[in-house]
Amino acid sequence: MAMGFLLVTTTFSYGQHSKCADLLNSYRTFFFRKPVFKGNTEAFLRENKMGGHSMCKIMELVNLCKRATVYIQTHNFPDPDAIASAYGLQKLLARMGISSWLCYAGCIDKLSAMKMIEAFGIEMYSYDQLCGKMKETDYIVCVDSQKNGGNITDFIGNEVACIDHHSVFADTHYQYSDIRTTGACATIIAEYYEQLGLEPDSNTATALLYGIKMDTLQFTRGVTQQDIKMFAFLHPFCDQEKLSRMEHNSMEFADLK
């Protein structure tokens, strides 16, 4: 385990003068990190349980997902935040011994999303690839989307859980739900790692950080204190060189119009 303090200094350029950018430019804080565990996850959880520590809400989802085949579904046209959130959750569940499939309908049409999948080796499957395999008894976790939303297709399976940062679209019952306002859904996934005291691997940390930065437009749109806090948590673990390459190779022709 490692415990310490992280001095976070974020500087913005290119004439950014929004209130959110000003907040981040002046953000100088010592961020206290929980013990970060690098070893056997199950042993870590047993240690915390035996020690009387309360585990975070994500453990409800972990226990739920042990019962069935799990699919993590994004909205129909997954962007970097949706992909990062689904990928980060998949990696977290894998550390708990739970396999899952990432899926979507529609298409991946953004250059930033396509480059992200390639850079991190993320495997996502379209509904056409999976519909012959999915069963009504399979569990679906909606990420960066909500059941009955206008941008998500109703797949075969049972939507048992939802993790999203948008306002509630429709009154829907889930066995597990974590719907709250943040600048990015990836922030919520990063918080699960932070609350559990688990260190995300480099690819996971970098993907989550990239998702946060893209969905908040480099911390200039809809940013919350939680987004900033998770930036501080993820930053020591991410691959700065890969993150820089991603950020400098995500412009599309439409962006120049």
Protein backbone atom coordinates (compact mmCIF):
# COMPACT_ATOMS: atom_id res chain seq x y z
CA MET A 1 0.00 0.00 0.00
CA ALA A 2 1.04 3.57 -0.52
CA MET A 3 -0.22 6.60 1.25
CA GLY A 4 0.72 10.17 0.65
CA PHE A 5 -0.16 13.60 -0.59
CA LEU A 6 -0.41 14.84 -4.13
CA LEU A 7 0.14 18.45 -5.07
CA VAL A 8 -2.15 19.22 -7.98
CA THR A 9 -1.43 22.14 -10.26
CA THR A 10 -3.50 22.47 -13.42
CA THR A 11 -2.70 25.20 -15.93
CA PHE A 12 -4.88 26.22 -18.87
CA SER A 13 -3.89 28.00 -22.03
CA TYR A 14 -5.42 29.01 -25.37
CA GLY A 15 -7.26 31.90 -23.80
CA GLN A 16 -9.63 29.86 -21.66
CA HIS A 17 -11.39 32.28 -19.32
CA SER A 18 -14.51 30.44 -18.15
CA LYS A 19 -15.34 30.23 -14.48
CA CYS A 20 -14.54 26.51 -14.54
CA ALA A 21 -11.12 27.13 -16.06
CA ASP A 22 -10.44 29.88 -13.52
CA LEU A 23 -11.40 27.48 -10.75
CA LEU A 24 -9.00 24.85 -12.03
CA ASN A 25 -6.18 27.34 -12.64
CA SER A 26 -6.37 28.41 -9.03
CA TYR A 27 -6.78 24.89 -7.70
CA ARG A 28 -3.80 24.32 -5.43
CA THR A 29 -4.49 21.71 -2.81
CA PHE A 30 -2.90 18.82 -1.03
CA PHE A 31 -5.12 15.90 -1.90
CA PHE A 32 -5.04 13.17 0.73
CA ARG A 33 -5.15 9.77 -0.87
CA LYS A 34 -6.48 6.65 0.75
CA PRO A 35 -4.20 3.64 0.92
CA VAL A 36 -3.85 2.35 -2.65
CA PHE A 37 -3.74 -1.42 -2.89
CA LYS A 38 -1.79 -3.15 -5.65
CA GLY A 39 -2.04 -6.80 -4.63
CA ASN A 40 -4.78 -9.42 -4.52
CA THR A 41 -8.15 -7.66 -4.61
CA GLU A 42 -10.07 -10.38 -2.81
CA ALA A 43 -7.52 -10.38 0.01
CA PHE A 44 -7.81 -6.61 0.24
CA LEU A 45 -11.60 -6.77 0.51
CA ARG A 46 -11.42 -9.46 3.18
CA GLU A 47 -8.96 -7.31 5.11
CA ASN A 48 -11.27 -4.31 4.97
CA LYS A 49 -14.30 -6.37 5.97
CA MET A 50 -12.47 -7.94 8.87
CA GLY A 51 -11.25 -4.53 9.93
CA GLY A 52 -14.79 -3.26 10.17
CA HIS A 53 -14.41 -0.70 7.38
CA SER A 54 -17.53 0.02 5.32
CA MET A 55 -17.07 -0.68 1.63
CA CYS A 56 -18.45 1.73 -0.94
CA LYS A 57 -21.72 1.35 -2.81
CA ILE A 58 -20.08 -0.30 -5.82
CA MET A 59 -19.84 -3.53 -3.83
CA GLU A 60 -23.62 -3.84 -4.18
CA LEU A 61 -23.14 -3.98 -7.94
CA VAL A 62 -20.23 -6.40 -7.62
CA ASN A 63 -22.37 -8.81 -5.58
CA LEU A 64 -25.24 -8.42 -8.02
CA CYS A 65 -23.09 -9.17 -11.06
CA LYS A 66 -21.83 -12.44 -9.64
CA ARG A 67 -25.16 -14.01 -10.51
CA ALA A 68 -25.19 -13.84 -14.32
CA THR A 69 -23.49 -13.06 -17.60
CA VAL A 70 -22.84 -9.32 -17.61
CA TYR A 71 -23.01 -6.82 -20.46
CA ILE A 72 -22.01 -3.17 -20.01
CA GLN A 73 -24.02 -1.06 -22.44
CA THR A 74 -23.27 2.53 -23.46
CA HIS A 75 -25.52 4.84 -25.43
CA ASN A 76 -25.88 4.17 -29.14
CA PHE A 77 -23.03 6.36 -30.35
CA PRO A 78 -20.39 5.99 -27.62
CA ASP A 79 -18.08 8.95 -27.09
CA PRO A 80 -14.81 8.91 -25.08
CA ASP A 81 -16.59 9.39 -21.74
CA ALA A 82 -18.98 6.49 -22.38
CA ILE A 83 -16.15 4.26 -23.58
CA ALA A 84 -13.89 5.20 -20.66
CA SER A 85 -16.68 4.58 -18.15
CA ALA A 86 -17.60 1.19 -19.60
CA TYR A 87 -13.93 0.17 -19.86
CA GLY A 88 -13.12 1.34 -16.34
CA LEU A 89 -16.07 -0.56 -14.91
CA GLN A 90 -15.16 -3.69 -16.89
CA LYS A 91 -11.62 -3.60 -15.52
CA LEU A 92 -12.89 -3.08 -11.96
CA LEU A 93 -15.32 -6.00 -12.19
CA ALA A 94 -12.53 -8.15 -13.64
CA ARG A 95 -10.48 -7.51 -10.50
CA MET A 96 -13.42 -8.93 -8.56
CA GLY A 97 -13.43 -12.05 -10.71
CA ILE A 98 -16.37 -10.96 -12.89
CA SER A 99 -16.14 -11.07 -16.68
CA SER A 100 -18.20 -8.68 -18.78
CA TRP A 101 -18.78 -7.59 -22.38
CA LEU A 102 -18.87 -3.99 -23.60
CA CYS A 103 -21.67 -3.32 -26.08
CA TYR A 104 -23.53 -0.61 -27.95
CA ALA A 105 -25.94 -0.07 -30.83
CA GLY A 106 -25.50 2.49 -33.58
CA CYS A 107 -21.88 3.14 -34.49
CA ILE A 108 -18.63 4.59 -33.21
CA ASP A 109 -18.29 7.59 -35.49
CA LYS A 110 -16.07 10.02 -33.60
CA LEU A 111 -12.36 10.07 -34.41
CA SER A 112 -11.53 10.54 -30.73
CA ALA A 113 -13.56 7.45 -29.82
CA MET A 114 -12.02 5.31 -32.55
CA LYS A 115 -8.49 6.34 -31.60
CA MET A 116 -9.27 5.66 -27.95
CA ILE A 117 -10.40 2.10 -28.65
CA GLU A 118 -7.27 1.48 -30.68
CA ALA A 119 -4.89 3.08 -28.17
CA PHE A 120 -6.16 1.12 -25.17
CA GLY A 121 -7.01 -2.13 -26.95
CA ILE A 122 -10.65 -1.89 -25.86
CA GLU A 123 -13.02 -4.54 -27.19
CA MET A 124 -16.54 -3.28 -27.80
CA TYR A 125 -19.21 -5.25 -29.60
CA SER A 126 -22.15 -3.98 -31.60
CA TYR A 127 -25.60 -5.38 -30.93
CA ASP A 128 -25.50 -7.17 -34.29
CA GLN A 129 -22.47 -9.11 -33.07
CA LEU A 130 -24.08 -10.11 -29.78
CA CYS A 131 -27.82 -10.45 -30.34
CA GLY A 132 -27.51 -14.14 -31.19
CA LYS A 133 -25.65 -14.79 -27.92
CA MET A 134 -27.57 -12.65 -25.44
CA LYS A 135 -30.33 -14.13 -23.31
CA GLU A 136 -33.24 -12.64 -21.39
CA THR A 137 -31.60 -13.73 -18.15
CA ASP A 138 -28.35 -11.88 -18.86
CA TYR A 139 -27.63 -8.76 -16.83
CA ILE A 140 -27.12 -5.38 -18.48
CA VAL A 141 -25.44 -2.43 -16.78
CA CYS A 142 -26.29 0.86 -18.50
CA VAL A 143 -23.33 3.25 -18.38
CA ASP A 144 -23.48 6.93 -19.37
CA SER A 145 -27.04 6.15 -20.43
CA GLN A 146 -30.39 5.14 -18.99
CA LYS A 147 -33.02 2.59 -19.87
CA ASN A 148 -35.86 4.13 -21.91
CA GLY A 149 -33.59 7.00 -22.86
CA GLY A 150 -33.78 8.34 -26.39
CA ASN A 151 -30.18 7.41 -27.19
CA ILE A 152 -30.09 3.76 -26.12
CA THR A 153 -31.47 0.62 -27.76
CA ASP A 154 -33.39 -1.96 -25.75
CA PHE A 155 -31.16 -5.04 -25.87
CA ILE A 156 -32.10 -8.61 -25.04
CA GLY A 157 -31.41 -8.99 -21.33
CA ASN A 158 -32.36 -7.42 -18.03
CA GLU A 159 -31.21 -3.87 -17.33
CA VAL A 160 -30.44 -4.41 -13.65
CA ALA A 161 -28.15 -1.42 -13.09
CA CYS A 162 -27.48 2.12 -14.25
CA ILE A 163 -24.49 4.41 -13.74
CA ASP A 164 -24.97 7.84 -15.29
CA HIS A 165 -24.14 11.51 -14.76
CA HIS A 166 -27.20 12.93 -16.52
CA SER A 167 -30.53 13.84 -14.96
CA VAL A 168 -33.01 11.00 -14.53
CA PHE A 169 -34.71 10.50 -17.89
CA ALA A 170 -37.55 8.23 -16.80
CA ASP A 171 -38.71 6.67 -13.55
CA THR A 172 -37.11 3.25 -13.99
CA HIS A 173 -36.46 0.58 -11.38
CA TYR A 174 -32.93 -0.82 -11.19
CA GLN A 175 -31.51 -3.25 -8.69
CA TYR A 176 -28.50 -0.93 -8.55
CA SER A 177 -28.43 2.69 -9.57
CA ASP A 178 -25.89 5.50 -9.25
CA ILE A 179 -27.26 8.50 -11.10
CA ARG A 180 -25.86 11.88 -10.07
CA THR A 181 -24.66 15.10 -11.62
CA THR A 182 -20.97 15.24 -12.51
CA GLY A 183 -19.13 16.61 -15.51
CA ALA A 184 -18.40 13.11 -16.77
CA CYS A 185 -19.58 9.58 -16.08
CA ALA A 186 -15.92 8.52 -15.91
CA THR A 187 -15.68 10.56 -12.71
CA ILE A 188 -18.14 8.20 -11.01
CA ILE A 189 -16.19 5.13 -12.14
CA ALA A 190 -12.91 6.68 -10.95
CA GLU A 191 -14.53 7.33 -7.58
CA TYR A 192 -15.22 3.62 -7.17
CA TYR A 193 -11.49 2.90 -7.41
CA GLU A 194 -10.70 5.74 -5.02
CA GLN A 195 -13.29 4.64 -2.45
CA LEU A 196 -12.09 1.04 -2.58
CA GLY A 197 -8.48 2.14 -2.27
CA LEU A 198 -7.60 0.31 -5.48
CA GLU A 199 -4.96 1.57 -7.88
CA PRO A 200 -6.19 1.61 -11.49
CA ASP A 201 -3.68 0.30 -14.01
CA SER A 202 -2.10 2.83 -16.35
CA ASN A 203 -4.47 2.24 -19.26
CA THR A 204 -7.56 2.44 -17.06
CA ALA A 205 -6.40 5.62 -15.32
CA THR A 206 -5.46 7.25 -18.63
CA ALA A 207 -8.74 6.28 -20.29
CA LEU A 208 -10.81 7.59 -17.37
CA LEU A 209 -8.85 10.83 -17.23
CA TYR A 210 -9.23 11.28 -20.99
CA GLY A 211 -12.97 10.66 -20.72
CA ILE A 212 -13.30 13.28 -17.99
CA LYS A 213 -11.31 15.87 -19.92
CA MET A 214 -13.21 15.27 -23.17
CA ASP A 215 -16.69 15.39 -21.63
CA THR A 216 -15.92 18.57 -19.68
CA LEU A 217 -14.15 20.18 -22.65
CA GLN A 218 -10.87 20.33 -20.74
CA PHE A 219 -12.67 21.31 -17.51
CA THR A 220 -14.57 24.23 -19.06
CA ARG A 221 -18.07 22.70 -19.26
CA GLY A 222 -20.25 21.35 -16.47
CA VAL A 223 -17.26 20.60 -14.27
CA THR A 224 -17.86 19.78 -10.59
CA GLN A 225 -15.59 19.53 -7.59
CA GLN A 226 -15.82 15.75 -7.88
CA ASP A 227 -14.39 15.88 -11.42
CA ILE A 228 -11.43 17.87 -10.10
CA LYS A 229 -10.96 15.49 -7.19
CA MET A 230 -10.90 12.48 -9.51
CA PHE A 231 -8.43 14.26 -11.79
CA ALA A 232 -6.15 14.48 -8.76
CA PHE A 233 -6.68 10.80 -7.96
CA LEU A 234 -6.07 9.50 -11.49
CA HIS A 235 -3.21 11.77 -12.50
CA PRO A 236 -0.36 9.87 -10.74
CA PHE A 237 -1.39 6.60 -12.40
CA CYS A 238 -1.97 7.74 -15.97
CA ASP A 239 0.40 7.55 -18.94
CA GLN A 240 1.08 11.22 -19.65
CA GLU A 241 2.64 10.55 -23.03
CA LYS A 242 -0.31 8.48 -24.23
CA LEU A 243 -2.77 11.05 -22.87
CA SER A 244 -0.93 13.81 -24.74
CA ARG A 245 -1.04 11.83 -27.99
CA MET A 246 -4.76 11.24 -27.57
CA GLU A 247 -5.49 14.90 -26.94
CA HIS A 248 -3.46 16.07 -29.94
CA ASN A 249 -4.98 13.60 -32.39
CA SER A 250 -8.70 13.89 -31.76
CA MET A 251 -9.66 16.79 -34.04
CA GLU A 252 -12.08 16.02 -36.85
CA PHE A 253 -12.88 17.95 -40.02
CA ALA A 254 -16.15 19.11 -38.48
CA ASP A 255 -14.16 20.79 -35.70
CA LEU A 256 -12.53 23.09 -38.27
CA LYS A 257 -15.80 24.42 -39.67
